[in-house]
């Protein structure tokens, strides 16, 4: 049976395409996870700063109440 010229190297092309797509997905997932971790760290730093400010304000209220 003669070889088809229309589907020449189809398996290799398919494997290459699959590997390319998987590599793109992996790099996108890595990029998004790094971005998410960066945002989580920013939120943690903001929330820790807020709790320190609130603790300082609460201590000030306690002192002013005890003075009365």
N, C-alpha and C. Protein backbone atom coordinates (compact mmCIF):
# COMPACT_ATOMS: atom_id res chain seq x y z
N UNK A 1 0.86 -1.18 0.00
CA UNK A 1 0.00 0.00 0.00
C UNK A 1 0.90 1.24 0.00
N UNK A 2 0.61 2.21 -0.84
CA UNK A 2 1.45 3.41 -0.92
C UNK A 2 1.29 4.30 0.30
N UNK A 3 2.34 5.04 0.63
CA UNK A 3 2.30 5.97 1.75
C UNK A 3 1.50 7.20 1.37
N UNK A 4 0.78 7.71 2.32
CA UNK A 4 0.02 8.93 2.08
C UNK A 4 0.93 10.14 2.26
N UNK A 5 0.87 11.05 1.36
CA UNK A 5 1.69 12.26 1.47
C UNK A 5 0.98 13.34 2.26
N UNK A 6 -0.33 13.21 2.43
CA UNK A 6 -1.10 14.25 3.11
C UNK A 6 -0.88 14.25 4.62
N UNK A 7 -0.67 13.07 5.19
CA UNK A 7 -0.51 12.98 6.64
C UNK A 7 0.93 12.62 7.02
N UNK A 8 1.86 13.17 6.31
CA UNK A 8 3.26 12.88 6.56
C UNK A 8 3.67 13.42 7.93
N UNK A 9 4.33 12.61 8.73
CA UNK A 9 4.82 12.98 10.07
C UNK A 9 3.70 13.42 11.00
N UNK A 10 2.50 12.89 10.85
CA UNK A 10 1.36 13.32 11.66
C UNK A 10 1.56 12.99 13.13
N UNK A 11 2.10 11.82 13.44
CA UNK A 11 2.31 11.44 14.84
C UNK A 11 3.31 12.38 15.51
N UNK A 12 4.39 12.68 14.83
CA UNK A 12 5.40 13.56 15.40
C UNK A 12 4.83 14.96 15.60
N UNK A 13 4.04 15.43 14.66
CA UNK A 13 3.43 16.75 14.78
C UNK A 13 2.45 16.78 15.95
N UNK A 14 1.69 15.72 16.11
CA UNK A 14 0.72 15.65 17.19
C UNK A 14 1.41 15.65 18.56
N UNK A 15 2.46 14.85 18.68
CA UNK A 15 3.22 14.78 19.94
C UNK A 15 3.86 16.12 20.24
N UNK A 16 4.42 16.76 19.23
CA UNK A 16 5.06 18.07 19.43
C UNK A 16 4.03 19.10 19.87
N UNK A 17 2.86 19.07 19.27
CA UNK A 17 1.79 20.02 19.64
C UNK A 17 1.35 19.79 21.08
N UNK A 18 1.17 18.53 21.46
CA UNK A 18 0.76 18.21 22.82
C UNK A 18 1.81 18.67 23.82
N UNK A 19 3.07 18.44 23.54
CA UNK A 19 4.14 18.86 24.44
C UNK A 19 4.19 20.38 24.55
N UNK A 20 3.98 21.07 23.44
CA UNK A 20 3.99 22.53 23.45
C UNK A 20 2.85 23.07 24.30
N UNK A 21 1.66 22.50 24.15
CA UNK A 21 0.51 22.94 24.93
C UNK A 21 0.73 22.68 26.41
N UNK A 22 1.25 21.50 26.74
CA UNK A 22 1.51 21.16 28.14
C UNK A 22 2.55 22.09 28.76
N UNK A 23 3.57 22.44 27.99
CA UNK A 23 4.59 23.36 28.48
C UNK A 23 4.01 24.75 28.73
N UNK A 24 3.15 25.20 27.83
CA UNK A 24 2.51 26.50 28.01
C UNK A 24 1.62 26.50 29.24
N UNK A 25 0.84 25.43 29.44
CA UNK A 25 -0.03 25.34 30.60
C UNK A 25 0.78 25.32 31.89
N UNK A 26 1.87 24.58 31.89
CA UNK A 26 2.72 24.49 33.09
C UNK A 26 3.33 25.84 33.43
N UNK A 27 3.81 26.56 32.42
CA UNK A 27 4.41 27.86 32.67
C UNK A 27 3.36 28.86 33.15
N UNK A 28 2.16 28.78 32.60
CA UNK A 28 1.07 29.67 33.03
C UNK A 28 0.69 29.38 34.48
N UNK A 29 0.58 28.10 34.84
CA UNK A 29 0.24 27.73 36.21
C UNK A 29 1.31 28.21 37.19
N UNK A 30 2.57 28.08 36.81
CA UNK A 30 3.67 28.52 37.67
C UNK A 30 3.62 30.03 37.86
N UNK A 31 3.38 30.76 36.76
CA UNK A 31 3.29 32.21 36.80
C UNK A 31 2.14 32.66 37.69
N UNK A 32 0.99 32.01 37.56
CA UNK A 32 -0.18 32.39 38.36
C UNK A 32 0.02 32.04 39.83
N UNK A 33 0.65 30.92 40.12
CA UNK A 33 0.87 30.57 41.53
C UNK A 33 1.84 31.55 42.18
N UNK A 34 2.87 31.99 41.44
CA UNK A 34 3.79 32.99 41.98
C UNK A 34 3.06 34.31 42.23
N UNK A 35 2.20 34.69 41.31
CA UNK A 35 1.43 35.92 41.47
C UNK A 35 0.50 35.82 42.67
N UNK A 36 -0.14 34.67 42.83
CA UNK A 36 -1.05 34.47 43.95
C UNK A 36 -0.30 34.52 45.28
N UNK A 37 0.87 33.88 45.34
CA UNK A 37 1.65 33.91 46.57
C UNK A 37 2.10 35.33 46.90
N UNK A 38 2.43 36.11 45.89
CA UNK A 38 2.83 37.49 46.10
C UNK A 38 1.66 38.30 46.68
N UNK A 39 0.47 38.08 46.14
CA UNK A 39 -0.71 38.79 46.64
C UNK A 39 -1.05 38.36 48.06
N UNK A 40 -0.89 37.08 48.37
CA UNK A 40 -1.15 36.59 49.73
C UNK A 40 -0.19 37.25 50.71
N UNK A 41 1.08 37.35 50.33
CA UNK A 41 2.06 37.99 51.20
C UNK A 41 1.71 39.47 51.42
N UNK A 42 1.25 40.15 50.38
CA UNK A 42 0.85 41.56 50.52
C UNK A 42 -0.33 41.68 51.47
N UNK A 43 -1.29 40.79 51.35
CA UNK A 43 -2.47 40.82 52.23
C UNK A 43 -2.06 40.54 53.66
N UNK A 44 -1.15 39.58 53.85
CA UNK A 44 -0.68 39.27 55.20
C UNK A 44 0.04 40.46 55.82
N UNK A 45 0.86 41.12 55.03
CA UNK A 45 1.59 42.26 55.57
C UNK A 45 0.64 43.41 55.89
N UNK A 46 -0.37 43.60 55.07
CA UNK A 46 -1.35 44.65 55.34
C UNK A 46 -2.17 44.31 56.58
N UNK A 47 -2.59 43.05 56.70
CA UNK A 47 -3.41 42.68 57.85
C UNK A 47 -2.60 42.71 59.13
N UNK A 48 -1.32 42.34 59.10
CA UNK A 48 -0.50 42.39 60.30
C UNK A 48 -0.27 43.84 60.71
N UNK A 49 -0.15 44.72 59.76
CA UNK A 49 0.00 46.14 60.06
C UNK A 49 -1.26 46.70 60.68
N UNK A 50 -2.41 46.27 60.20
CA UNK A 50 -3.68 46.74 60.75
C UNK A 50 -3.88 46.24 62.17
N UNK A 51 -3.53 44.99 62.44
CA UNK A 51 -3.71 44.46 63.79
C UNK A 51 -2.78 45.15 64.77
N UNK A 52 -1.57 45.51 64.34
CA UNK A 52 -0.68 46.25 65.22
C UNK A 52 -1.26 47.62 65.54
N UNK A 53 -1.83 48.28 64.55
CA UNK A 53 -2.44 49.59 64.77
C UNK A 53 -3.65 49.47 65.68
N UNK A 54 -4.46 48.44 65.47
CA UNK A 54 -5.64 48.26 66.31
C UNK A 54 -5.24 47.94 67.74
N UNK A 55 -4.20 47.14 67.92
CA UNK A 55 -3.74 46.80 69.26
C UNK A 55 -3.25 48.05 69.97
N UNK A 56 -2.56 48.91 69.25
CA UNK A 56 -2.09 50.15 69.84
C UNK A 56 -3.25 51.07 70.20
N UNK A 57 -4.26 51.13 69.40
CA UNK A 57 -5.43 51.97 69.68
C UNK A 57 -6.19 51.41 70.86
N UNK A 58 -6.34 50.08 70.94
CA UNK A 58 -7.05 49.46 72.05
C UNK A 58 -6.31 49.72 73.36
N UNK A 59 -5.01 49.66 73.35
CA UNK A 59 -4.22 49.91 74.55
C UNK A 59 -4.40 51.37 74.98
N UNK A 60 -4.46 52.27 74.02
CA UNK A 60 -4.67 53.68 74.34
C UNK A 60 -6.04 53.91 74.95
N UNK A 61 -7.06 53.19 74.47
CA UNK A 61 -8.40 53.31 75.02
C UNK A 61 -8.45 52.79 76.44
N UNK A 62 -7.76 51.71 76.69
CA UNK A 62 -7.74 51.13 78.03
C UNK A 62 -7.05 52.09 79.01
N UNK A 63 -5.98 52.70 78.60
CA UNK A 63 -5.29 53.63 79.47
C UNK A 63 -6.16 54.86 79.74
N UNK A 64 -6.83 55.37 78.72
CA UNK A 64 -7.65 56.56 78.94
C UNK A 64 -8.86 56.22 79.80
N UNK A 65 -9.40 55.03 79.70
CA UNK A 65 -10.54 54.63 80.52
C UNK A 65 -10.11 54.45 81.98
N UNK A 66 -8.90 53.95 82.19
CA UNK A 66 -8.43 53.74 83.57
C UNK A 66 -8.12 55.07 84.24
N UNK A 67 -7.80 56.10 83.46
CA UNK A 67 -7.52 57.40 84.01
C UNK A 67 -8.78 58.06 84.54
N UNK A 68 -9.93 57.73 83.99
CA UNK A 68 -11.19 58.33 84.43
C UNK A 68 -11.57 57.73 85.73
